[in-house]
Amino acid sequence: MTLFQTVSGAANTLVRPLMRMPGLGSLLGRGLATVTYTGRKSGRRISLPVAYSRRGDVVTVTVVAPSQKSWWRNFRPDPAPVTVDIAGVEHRGTAQATESTTGAVTVTITLES
């Protein structure tokens, strides 16, 4: 495990409970969401905070330092079901990861209506 992965894991452990706190959770929810999914290989349920943008029923997550992270690979090449908690409201959806020719990774989540 790299130093980046260790620090990211520690930060995620601290941020997730803060996102559930009344008041603070809705403030953080303006730019952070919690994505929950089942690991393709491990079968474990995993939750992690991510920065996102939203337009209607489409949530977009730009993966920072994708070569240092593996979570987004659960949504490639095939889409997979996810739950997204945005400001305390849970949404179900389907996530699909795409990688550009430059290595940039975007996870697009289409929310169920």
N, C-alpha and C. Protein backbone atom coordinates (compact mmCIF):
# COMPACT_ATOMS: atom_id res chain seq x y z
N MET A 1 0.85 -1.18 0.00
CA MET A 1 0.00 0.00 0.00
C MET A 1 0.89 1.24 0.00
N THR A 2 0.56 2.21 -0.86
CA THR A 2 1.36 3.43 -0.95
C THR A 2 0.99 4.40 0.16
N LEU A 3 1.84 5.40 0.36
CA LEU A 3 1.55 6.45 1.34
C LEU A 3 0.25 7.16 0.99
N PHE A 4 0.04 7.43 -0.29
CA PHE A 4 -1.19 8.08 -0.75
C PHE A 4 -2.42 7.27 -0.34
N GLN A 5 -2.38 5.97 -0.55
CA GLN A 5 -3.51 5.11 -0.20
C GLN A 5 -3.73 5.07 1.30
N THR A 6 -2.66 5.07 2.08
CA THR A 6 -2.78 5.06 3.53
C THR A 6 -3.42 6.35 4.03
N VAL A 7 -2.96 7.49 3.51
CA VAL A 7 -3.52 8.78 3.92
C VAL A 7 -4.97 8.90 3.47
N SER A 8 -5.27 8.49 2.25
CA SER A 8 -6.64 8.55 1.75
C SER A 8 -7.57 7.70 2.60
N GLY A 9 -7.14 6.51 2.95
CA GLY A 9 -7.95 5.64 3.79
C GLY A 9 -8.24 6.25 5.15
N ALA A 10 -7.23 6.87 5.75
CA ALA A 10 -7.41 7.53 7.05
C ALA A 10 -8.38 8.70 6.92
N ALA A 11 -8.23 9.49 5.86
CA ALA A 11 -9.13 10.63 5.64
C ALA A 11 -10.56 10.15 5.45
N ASN A 12 -10.75 9.10 4.68
CA ASN A 12 -12.10 8.56 4.47
C ASN A 12 -12.72 8.10 5.78
N THR A 13 -11.94 7.48 6.63
CA THR A 13 -12.42 7.01 7.92
C THR A 13 -12.89 8.18 8.79
N LEU A 14 -12.22 9.32 8.69
CA LEU A 14 -12.61 10.49 9.46
C LEU A 14 -13.81 11.23 8.86
N VAL A 15 -13.87 11.32 7.54
CA VAL A 15 -14.90 12.11 6.88
C VAL A 15 -16.27 11.44 6.92
N ARG A 16 -16.34 10.13 6.75
CA ARG A 16 -17.64 9.45 6.70
C ARG A 16 -18.51 9.75 7.91
N PRO A 17 -18.04 9.65 9.15
CA PRO A 17 -18.90 9.98 10.29
C PRO A 17 -19.32 11.45 10.33
N LEU A 18 -18.43 12.35 9.88
CA LEU A 18 -18.77 13.77 9.84
C LEU A 18 -19.92 14.04 8.89
N MET A 19 -19.98 13.28 7.81
CA MET A 19 -21.03 13.47 6.83
C MET A 19 -22.40 13.04 7.35
N ARG A 20 -22.44 12.25 8.44
CA ARG A 20 -23.70 11.81 9.02
C ARG A 20 -24.18 12.72 10.15
N MET A 21 -23.36 13.69 10.54
CA MET A 21 -23.72 14.58 11.64
C MET A 21 -24.76 15.62 11.19
N PRO A 22 -25.81 15.83 12.00
CA PRO A 22 -26.80 16.84 11.66
C PRO A 22 -26.12 18.21 11.46
N GLY A 23 -26.56 18.93 10.48
CA GLY A 23 -25.99 20.25 10.20
C GLY A 23 -24.72 20.15 9.38
N LEU A 24 -23.70 19.55 9.96
CA LEU A 24 -22.43 19.41 9.26
C LEU A 24 -22.55 18.51 8.04
N GLY A 25 -23.36 17.46 8.17
CA GLY A 25 -23.56 16.53 7.05
C GLY A 25 -24.17 17.21 5.84
N SER A 26 -25.16 18.08 6.07
CA SER A 26 -25.78 18.76 4.93
C SER A 26 -24.83 19.78 4.32
N LEU A 27 -23.98 20.39 5.14
CA LEU A 27 -22.99 21.33 4.62
C LEU A 27 -21.96 20.59 3.76
N LEU A 28 -21.46 19.48 4.27
CA LEU A 28 -20.51 18.67 3.49
C LEU A 28 -21.18 18.06 2.27
N GLY A 29 -22.49 17.78 2.38
CA GLY A 29 -23.23 17.15 1.29
C GLY A 29 -23.33 18.01 0.05
N ARG A 30 -23.00 19.29 0.16
CA ARG A 30 -23.03 20.16 -1.01
C ARG A 30 -21.93 19.80 -2.00
N GLY A 31 -20.86 19.20 -1.54
CA GLY A 31 -19.77 18.86 -2.44
C GLY A 31 -19.28 17.43 -2.28
N LEU A 32 -19.74 16.76 -1.21
CA LEU A 32 -19.31 15.38 -0.98
C LEU A 32 -20.52 14.47 -0.88
N ALA A 33 -20.37 13.29 -1.41
CA ALA A 33 -21.40 12.25 -1.32
C ALA A 33 -20.71 10.97 -0.86
N THR A 34 -21.49 10.05 -0.33
CA THR A 34 -20.96 8.73 0.01
C THR A 34 -21.47 7.73 -1.00
N VAL A 35 -20.55 7.07 -1.67
CA VAL A 35 -20.89 6.03 -2.64
C VAL A 35 -20.70 4.68 -1.96
N THR A 36 -21.72 3.84 -2.03
CA THR A 36 -21.66 2.50 -1.44
C THR A 36 -21.89 1.49 -2.56
N TYR A 37 -21.03 0.48 -2.60
CA TYR A 37 -21.11 -0.54 -3.65
C TYR A 37 -20.57 -1.84 -3.10
N THR A 38 -20.77 -2.91 -3.86
CA THR A 38 -20.23 -4.22 -3.50
C THR A 38 -19.00 -4.47 -4.37
N GLY A 39 -17.89 -4.78 -3.72
CA GLY A 39 -16.65 -5.04 -4.45
C GLY A 39 -16.81 -6.22 -5.40
N ARG A 40 -16.38 -6.03 -6.62
CA ARG A 40 -16.55 -7.06 -7.65
C ARG A 40 -15.81 -8.35 -7.29
N LYS A 41 -14.59 -8.24 -6.77
CA LYS A 41 -13.79 -9.42 -6.43
C LYS A 41 -14.02 -9.86 -4.98
N SER A 42 -14.05 -8.90 -4.05
CA SER A 42 -14.13 -9.23 -2.63
C SER A 42 -15.54 -9.59 -2.18
N GLY A 43 -16.55 -9.02 -2.85
CA GLY A 43 -17.93 -9.23 -2.43
C GLY A 43 -18.30 -8.42 -1.19
N ARG A 44 -17.35 -7.61 -0.70
CA ARG A 44 -17.58 -6.78 0.48
C ARG A 44 -18.35 -5.52 0.12
N ARG A 45 -19.13 -5.03 1.06
CA ARG A 45 -19.84 -3.77 0.90
C ARG A 45 -18.86 -2.66 1.29
N ILE A 46 -18.67 -1.69 0.41
CA ILE A 46 -17.67 -0.64 0.60
C ILE A 46 -18.36 0.72 0.48
N SER A 47 -18.04 1.63 1.39
CA SER A 47 -18.55 3.01 1.34
C SER A 47 -17.38 3.96 1.37
N LEU A 48 -17.43 4.99 0.51
CA LEU A 48 -16.36 5.98 0.53
C LEU A 48 -16.91 7.34 0.12
N PRO A 49 -16.36 8.39 0.74
CA PRO A 49 -16.78 9.74 0.35
C PRO A 49 -16.09 10.15 -0.94
N VAL A 50 -16.83 10.85 -1.79
CA VAL A 50 -16.29 11.33 -3.06
C VAL A 50 -16.80 12.75 -3.31
N ALA A 51 -16.02 13.53 -4.01
CA ALA A 51 -16.47 14.83 -4.49
C ALA A 51 -17.29 14.55 -5.75
N TYR A 52 -18.35 15.31 -5.94
CA TYR A 52 -19.24 15.03 -7.07
C TYR A 52 -19.84 16.32 -7.63
N SER A 53 -20.43 16.18 -8.81
CA SER A 53 -21.30 17.21 -9.35
C SER A 53 -22.56 16.48 -9.81
N ARG A 54 -23.66 17.22 -9.85
CA ARG A 54 -24.93 16.58 -10.22
C ARG A 54 -25.71 17.47 -11.17
N ARG A 55 -26.25 16.81 -12.17
CA ARG A 55 -27.19 17.45 -13.11
C ARG A 55 -28.37 16.51 -13.25
N GLY A 56 -29.46 16.89 -12.63
CA GLY A 56 -30.65 16.03 -12.68
C GLY A 56 -30.37 14.68 -12.06
N ASP A 57 -30.58 13.63 -12.85
CA ASP A 57 -30.39 12.26 -12.36
C ASP A 57 -29.01 11.70 -12.67
N VAL A 58 -28.06 12.58 -13.02
CA VAL A 58 -26.71 12.12 -13.34
C VAL A 58 -25.71 12.74 -12.36
N VAL A 59 -25.01 11.89 -11.65
CA VAL A 59 -23.96 12.30 -10.71
C VAL A 59 -22.62 11.95 -11.34
N THR A 60 -21.71 12.92 -11.37
CA THR A 60 -20.40 12.70 -11.98
C THR A 60 -19.32 12.82 -10.91
N VAL A 61 -18.45 11.83 -10.88
CA VAL A 61 -17.31 11.80 -9.96
C VAL A 61 -16.05 11.77 -10.82
N THR A 62 -15.21 12.79 -10.67
CA THR A 62 -13.91 12.79 -11.33
C THR A 62 -12.92 12.17 -10.35
N VAL A 63 -12.31 11.08 -10.74
CA VAL A 63 -11.40 10.36 -9.84
C VAL A 63 -10.04 11.06 -9.86
N VAL A 64 -9.63 11.56 -8.71
CA VAL A 64 -8.33 12.21 -8.58
C VAL A 64 -7.28 11.12 -8.37
N ALA A 65 -6.18 11.21 -9.09
CA ALA A 65 -5.09 10.23 -9.00
C ALA A 65 -5.60 8.80 -9.21
N PRO A 66 -6.25 8.53 -10.34
CA PRO A 66 -6.83 7.20 -10.56
C PRO A 66 -5.83 6.06 -10.55
N SER A 67 -4.58 6.33 -10.88
CA SER A 67 -3.58 5.25 -10.87
C SER A 67 -3.25 4.82 -9.44
N GLN A 68 -3.59 5.65 -8.45
CA GLN A 68 -3.34 5.34 -7.06
C GLN A 68 -4.55 4.70 -6.38
N LYS A 69 -5.66 4.62 -7.10
CA LYS A 69 -6.91 4.11 -6.52
C LYS A 69 -7.43 2.96 -7.35
N SER A 70 -8.19 2.10 -6.72
CA SER A 70 -8.74 0.96 -7.46
C SER A 70 -10.26 0.89 -7.41
N TRP A 71 -10.91 1.64 -6.55
CA TRP A 71 -12.36 1.51 -6.36
C TRP A 71 -13.14 1.69 -7.65
N TRP A 72 -12.72 2.59 -8.50
CA TRP A 72 -13.46 2.89 -9.73
C TRP A 72 -13.45 1.73 -10.72
N ARG A 73 -12.51 0.81 -10.56
CA ARG A 73 -12.42 -0.33 -11.48
C ARG A 73 -13.61 -1.29 -11.31
N ASN A 74 -14.33 -1.16 -10.21
CA ASN A 74 -15.52 -1.97 -9.99
C ASN A 74 -16.63 -1.63 -10.99
N PHE A 75 -16.49 -0.51 -11.69
CA PHE A 75 -17.52 -0.03 -12.60
C PHE A 75 -17.04 -0.01 -14.05
N ARG A 76 -16.07 -0.88 -14.32
CA ARG A 76 -15.50 -0.96 -15.66
C ARG A 76 -15.09 -2.40 -15.95
N PRO A 77 -15.34 -2.99 -17.03
CA PRO A 77 -15.98 -2.41 -18.20
C PRO A 77 -17.50 -2.35 -18.08
N ASP A 78 -18.08 -3.13 -17.16
CA ASP A 78 -19.53 -3.16 -17.03
C ASP A 78 -20.00 -2.25 -15.90
N PRO A 79 -21.16 -1.61 -16.08
CA PRO A 79 -21.71 -0.80 -14.99
C PRO A 79 -22.13 -1.69 -13.82
N ALA A 80 -22.25 -1.09 -12.65
CA ALA A 80 -22.64 -1.84 -11.46
C ALA A 80 -23.56 -0.99 -10.58
N PRO A 81 -24.41 -1.64 -9.79
CA PRO A 81 -25.31 -0.88 -8.93
C PRO A 81 -24.56 -0.20 -7.78
N VAL A 82 -25.03 0.97 -7.40
CA VAL A 82 -24.48 1.73 -6.29
C VAL A 82 -25.61 2.39 -5.52
N THR A 83 -25.28 2.82 -4.31
CA THR A 83 -26.14 3.71 -3.55
C THR A 83 -25.33 4.96 -3.31
N VAL A 84 -25.95 6.12 -3.48
CA VAL A 84 -25.26 7.39 -3.29
C VAL A 84 -26.03 8.18 -2.23
N ASP A 85 -25.35 8.54 -1.15
CA ASP A 85 -25.94 9.37 -0.11
C ASP A 85 -25.50 10.81 -0.36
N ILE A 86 -26.46 11.66 -0.70
CA ILE A 86 -26.19 13.07 -0.94
C ILE A 86 -26.96 13.87 0.09
N ALA A 87 -26.24 14.52 0.99
CA ALA A 87 -26.84 15.36 2.04
C ALA A 87 -27.89 14.59 2.84
N GLY A 88 -27.60 13.33 3.14
CA GLY A 88 -28.50 12.54 3.97
C GLY A 88 -29.63 11.86 3.23
N VAL A 89 -29.71 12.04 1.92
CA VAL A 89 -30.75 11.39 1.12
C VAL A 89 -30.10 10.30 0.28
N GLU A 90 -30.59 9.08 0.45
CA GLU A 90 -30.01 7.94 -0.24
C GLU A 90 -30.69 7.72 -1.60
N HIS A 91 -29.86 7.55 -2.62
CA HIS A 91 -30.34 7.32 -3.98
C HIS A 91 -29.72 6.03 -4.50
N ARG A 92 -30.49 5.25 -5.24
CA ARG A 92 -29.96 4.07 -5.91
C ARG A 92 -29.64 4.45 -7.35
N GLY A 93 -28.62 3.79 -7.89
CA GLY A 93 -28.26 4.08 -9.26
C GLY A 93 -27.32 3.05 -9.84
N THR A 94 -26.83 3.36 -11.02
CA THR A 94 -25.89 2.49 -11.72
C THR A 94 -24.67 3.32 -12.09
N ALA A 95 -23.48 2.80 -11.77
CA ALA A 95 -22.23 3.53 -12.02
C ALA A 95 -21.47 2.89 -13.18
N GLN A 96 -20.87 3.75 -13.99
CA GLN A 96 -20.04 3.32 -15.11
C GLN A 96 -18.77 4.17 -15.12
N ALA A 97 -17.60 3.53 -15.10
CA ALA A 97 -16.33 4.26 -15.15
C ALA A 97 -15.83 4.31 -16.59
N THR A 98 -15.29 5.47 -16.95
CA THR A 98 -14.67 5.63 -18.26
C THR A 98 -13.29 6.24 -18.07
N GLU A 99 -12.36 5.78 -18.88
CA GLU A 99 -10.98 6.27 -18.82
C GLU A 99 -10.63 6.90 -20.16
N SER A 100 -10.13 8.14 -20.10
CA SER A 100 -9.77 8.82 -21.35
C SER A 100 -8.41 8.34 -21.84
N THR A 101 -8.05 8.75 -23.01
CA THR A 101 -6.75 8.36 -23.57
C THR A 101 -5.60 8.96 -22.77
N THR A 102 -5.87 10.00 -21.98
CA THR A 102 -4.82 10.61 -21.15
C THR A 102 -4.76 9.99 -19.76
N GLY A 103 -5.66 9.04 -19.48
CA GLY A 103 -5.67 8.38 -18.17
C GLY A 103 -6.62 8.98 -17.16
N ALA A 104 -7.32 10.05 -17.53
CA ALA A 104 -8.31 10.65 -16.63
C ALA A 104 -9.50 9.69 -16.50
N VAL A 105 -10.03 9.58 -15.28
CA VAL A 105 -11.14 8.65 -15.03
C VAL A 105 -12.34 9.41 -14.48
N THR A 106 -13.49 9.11 -15.06
CA THR A 106 -14.75 9.67 -14.59
C THR A 106 -15.71 8.51 -14.31
N VAL A 107 -16.39 8.60 -13.16
CA VAL A 107 -17.43 7.64 -12.85
C VAL A 107 -18.76 8.38 -12.99
N THR A 108 -19.60 7.90 -13.88
CA THR A 108 -20.91 8.50 -14.10
C THR A 108 -21.97 7.60 -13.46
N ILE A 109 -22.75 8.19 -12.57
CA ILE A 109 -23.79 7.45 -11.87
C ILE A 109 -25.15 7.96 -12.35
N THR A 110 -25.93 7.07 -12.90
CA THR A 110 -27.28 7.41 -13.33
C THR A 110 -28.23 6.95 -12.21
N LEU A 111 -28.92 7.94 -11.61
CA LEU A 111 -29.82 7.64 -10.50
C LEU A 111 -31.14 7.09 -11.01
N GLU A 112 -31.72 6.18 -10.24
CA GLU A 112 -33.04 5.66 -10.58
C GLU A 112 -34.07 6.75 -10.27
N SER A 113 -35.10 6.79 -11.08
CA SER A 113 -36.15 7.80 -10.88
C SER A 113 -37.12 7.36 -9.83
